[in-house]
Amino acid sequence: MSDKLTMEDVTFMVEKLSPNDAAIIYNTFKFVNDLLNPEMYGHAVSAEVRDQARVCLGLPKVEQNAYL
């Protein structure tokens, strides 16, 4: 089993919440993913922010050499 959380995982989990709580969690997950997407906010944030977004999604940091 992978430690990476997918949109399908989030969708499954939020179905058990109130509609408002589900929308907040879904939108937060989507925003964190958008921080990694160069067509969204990926170029607007620093390498350190992108690495922290990866950590939030259960992914390894890959840009440490850009800010350490």
N, C-alpha and C. Protein backbone atom coordinates (compact mmCIF):
# COMPACT_ATOMS: atom_id res chain seq x y z
N MET A 1 0.83 -1.18 0.00
CA MET A 1 0.00 0.00 0.00
C MET A 1 0.88 1.25 0.00
N SER A 2 0.52 2.23 -0.80
CA SER A 2 1.29 3.46 -0.92
C SER A 2 0.92 4.44 0.19
N ASP A 3 1.91 5.24 0.62
CA ASP A 3 1.66 6.27 1.61
C ASP A 3 1.11 7.54 0.96
N LYS A 4 1.12 7.59 -0.36
CA LYS A 4 0.65 8.78 -1.07
C LYS A 4 -0.87 8.84 -1.05
N LEU A 5 -1.39 9.97 -0.65
CA LEU A 5 -2.82 10.20 -0.62
C LEU A 5 -3.27 10.69 -1.98
N THR A 6 -4.29 10.05 -2.53
CA THR A 6 -4.77 10.43 -3.86
C THR A 6 -6.09 11.19 -3.74
N MET A 7 -6.49 11.82 -4.83
CA MET A 7 -7.78 12.52 -4.84
C MET A 7 -8.92 11.53 -4.58
N GLU A 8 -8.78 10.30 -5.05
CA GLU A 8 -9.81 9.29 -4.80
C GLU A 8 -9.92 8.98 -3.31
N ASP A 9 -8.76 8.91 -2.63
CA ASP A 9 -8.76 8.68 -1.18
C ASP A 9 -9.49 9.80 -0.46
N VAL A 10 -9.19 11.03 -0.86
CA VAL A 10 -9.81 12.18 -0.22
C VAL A 10 -11.31 12.18 -0.49
N THR A 11 -11.70 11.90 -1.71
CA THR A 11 -13.12 11.85 -2.05
C THR A 11 -13.84 10.81 -1.20
N PHE A 12 -13.24 9.65 -1.03
CA PHE A 12 -13.84 8.59 -0.22
C PHE A 12 -14.00 9.04 1.23
N MET A 13 -12.97 9.69 1.77
CA MET A 13 -13.02 10.12 3.18
C MET A 13 -14.03 11.23 3.40
N VAL A 14 -14.10 12.17 2.48
CA VAL A 14 -14.98 13.32 2.70
C VAL A 14 -16.45 12.95 2.57
N GLU A 15 -16.75 11.83 1.95
CA GLU A 15 -18.15 11.39 1.85
C GLU A 15 -18.75 11.12 3.22
N LYS A 16 -17.92 10.88 4.21
CA LYS A 16 -18.39 10.58 5.56
C LYS A 16 -18.55 11.84 6.42
N LEU A 17 -18.24 13.02 5.88
CA LEU A 17 -18.29 14.28 6.62
C LEU A 17 -19.50 15.10 6.21
N SER A 18 -19.74 16.17 6.96
CA SER A 18 -20.80 17.10 6.55
C SER A 18 -20.39 17.73 5.22
N PRO A 19 -21.34 18.18 4.45
CA PRO A 19 -20.99 18.79 3.15
C PRO A 19 -20.01 19.96 3.29
N ASN A 20 -20.16 20.79 4.31
CA ASN A 20 -19.27 21.92 4.49
C ASN A 20 -17.86 21.46 4.84
N ASP A 21 -17.73 20.54 5.78
CA ASP A 21 -16.41 20.03 6.15
C ASP A 21 -15.75 19.31 4.98
N ALA A 22 -16.53 18.56 4.23
CA ALA A 22 -16.01 17.85 3.07
C ALA A 22 -15.47 18.84 2.03
N ALA A 23 -16.19 19.92 1.80
CA ALA A 23 -15.75 20.92 0.82
C ALA A 23 -14.45 21.58 1.26
N ILE A 24 -14.33 21.87 2.54
CA ILE A 24 -13.11 22.50 3.07
C ILE A 24 -11.91 21.57 2.88
N ILE A 25 -12.06 20.32 3.23
CA ILE A 25 -10.95 19.37 3.10
C ILE A 25 -10.60 19.14 1.64
N TYR A 26 -11.60 18.96 0.80
CA TYR A 26 -11.34 18.74 -0.61
C TYR A 26 -10.63 19.93 -1.23
N ASN A 27 -11.11 21.14 -0.95
CA ASN A 27 -10.50 22.35 -1.51
C ASN A 27 -9.08 22.55 -1.00
N THR A 28 -8.82 22.21 0.25
CA THR A 28 -7.47 22.32 0.80
C THR A 28 -6.53 21.35 0.11
N PHE A 29 -6.97 20.11 -0.06
CA PHE A 29 -6.16 19.11 -0.75
C PHE A 29 -5.87 19.54 -2.18
N LYS A 30 -6.88 20.06 -2.86
CA LYS A 30 -6.70 20.53 -4.24
C LYS A 30 -5.72 21.70 -4.28
N PHE A 31 -5.81 22.63 -3.34
CA PHE A 31 -4.90 23.77 -3.31
C PHE A 31 -3.45 23.31 -3.11
N VAL A 32 -3.23 22.38 -2.18
CA VAL A 32 -1.87 21.89 -1.94
C VAL A 32 -1.33 21.21 -3.20
N ASN A 33 -2.16 20.46 -3.90
CA ASN A 33 -1.74 19.87 -5.18
C ASN A 33 -1.41 20.96 -6.20
N ASP A 34 -2.20 22.02 -6.22
CA ASP A 34 -1.97 23.12 -7.16
C ASP A 34 -0.65 23.84 -6.90
N LEU A 35 -0.16 23.80 -5.67
CA LEU A 35 1.14 24.40 -5.37
C LEU A 35 2.28 23.69 -6.09
N LEU A 36 2.05 22.46 -6.49
CA LEU A 36 3.06 21.68 -7.20
C LEU A 36 2.90 21.73 -8.71
N ASN A 37 1.79 22.24 -9.17
CA ASN A 37 1.47 22.25 -10.58
C ASN A 37 1.97 23.55 -11.22
N PRO A 38 2.91 23.46 -12.17
CA PRO A 38 3.43 24.67 -12.80
C PRO A 38 2.38 25.45 -13.59
N GLU A 39 1.30 24.80 -13.97
CA GLU A 39 0.23 25.51 -14.67
C GLU A 39 -0.70 26.23 -13.71
N MET A 40 -0.53 26.01 -12.43
CA MET A 40 -1.32 26.71 -11.42
C MET A 40 -0.38 27.64 -10.64
N TYR A 41 0.05 27.20 -9.45
CA TYR A 41 0.88 28.05 -8.58
C TYR A 41 2.32 27.58 -8.45
N GLY A 42 2.68 26.54 -9.15
CA GLY A 42 4.00 25.95 -9.01
C GLY A 42 5.16 26.91 -9.25
N HIS A 43 4.99 27.83 -10.18
CA HIS A 43 6.04 28.81 -10.46
C HIS A 43 5.93 30.04 -9.55
N ALA A 44 4.82 30.18 -8.85
CA ALA A 44 4.60 31.36 -8.01
C ALA A 44 5.13 31.18 -6.59
N VAL A 45 5.46 29.94 -6.23
CA VAL A 45 5.94 29.68 -4.87
C VAL A 45 7.37 29.16 -4.93
N SER A 46 8.07 29.27 -3.81
CA SER A 46 9.46 28.84 -3.74
C SER A 46 9.58 27.31 -3.70
N ALA A 47 10.80 26.85 -3.93
CA ALA A 47 11.09 25.42 -3.84
C ALA A 47 10.79 24.89 -2.45
N GLU A 48 11.05 25.69 -1.43
CA GLU A 48 10.77 25.26 -0.06
C GLU A 48 9.28 25.07 0.17
N VAL A 49 8.47 25.96 -0.37
CA VAL A 49 7.01 25.81 -0.24
C VAL A 49 6.54 24.58 -0.99
N ARG A 50 7.06 24.35 -2.18
CA ARG A 50 6.68 23.15 -2.93
C ARG A 50 7.08 21.88 -2.18
N ASP A 51 8.25 21.87 -1.56
CA ASP A 51 8.66 20.70 -0.78
C ASP A 51 7.73 20.48 0.41
N GLN A 52 7.34 21.55 1.07
CA GLN A 52 6.41 21.39 2.20
C GLN A 52 5.05 20.90 1.72
N ALA A 53 4.64 21.32 0.53
CA ALA A 53 3.39 20.81 -0.04
C ALA A 53 3.52 19.31 -0.29
N ARG A 54 4.68 18.89 -0.77
CA ARG A 54 4.91 17.46 -0.98
C ARG A 54 4.80 16.69 0.34
N VAL A 55 5.40 17.23 1.39
CA VAL A 55 5.34 16.57 2.71
C VAL A 55 3.88 16.43 3.15
N CYS A 56 3.08 17.46 2.94
CA CYS A 56 1.66 17.40 3.31
C CYS A 56 0.91 16.31 2.54
N LEU A 57 1.39 16.01 1.36
CA LEU A 57 0.75 14.98 0.53
C LEU A 57 1.39 13.61 0.71
N GLY A 58 2.36 13.51 1.62
CA GLY A 58 3.01 12.23 1.87
C GLY A 58 4.09 11.89 0.87
N LEU A 59 4.58 12.89 0.16
CA LEU A 59 5.64 12.69 -0.84
C LEU A 59 6.97 13.16 -0.27
N PRO A 60 8.07 12.66 -0.81
CA PRO A 60 9.38 13.10 -0.32
C PRO A 60 9.74 14.49 -0.85
N LYS A 61 10.57 15.19 -0.10
CA LYS A 61 11.11 16.46 -0.56
C LYS A 61 12.09 16.16 -1.69
N VAL A 62 12.05 16.97 -2.75
CA VAL A 62 12.94 16.73 -3.87
C VAL A 62 13.72 17.97 -4.30
N GLU A 63 13.45 19.12 -3.69
CA GLU A 63 14.11 20.36 -4.12
C GLU A 63 14.95 20.98 -3.02
N GLN A 64 15.41 20.19 -2.05
CA GLN A 64 16.16 20.72 -0.92
C GLN A 64 17.43 21.45 -1.35
N ASN A 65 18.05 21.01 -2.42
CA ASN A 65 19.30 21.65 -2.85
C ASN A 65 19.07 23.10 -3.29
N ALA A 66 17.85 23.49 -3.57
CA ALA A 66 17.54 24.85 -4.00
C ALA A 66 17.47 25.83 -2.83
N TYR A 67 17.32 25.33 -1.61
CA TYR A 67 17.16 26.24 -0.48
C TYR A 67 17.98 25.90 0.76
N LEU A 68 18.75 24.86 0.74
CA LEU A 68 19.59 24.53 1.89
C LEU A 68 20.99 25.06 1.71
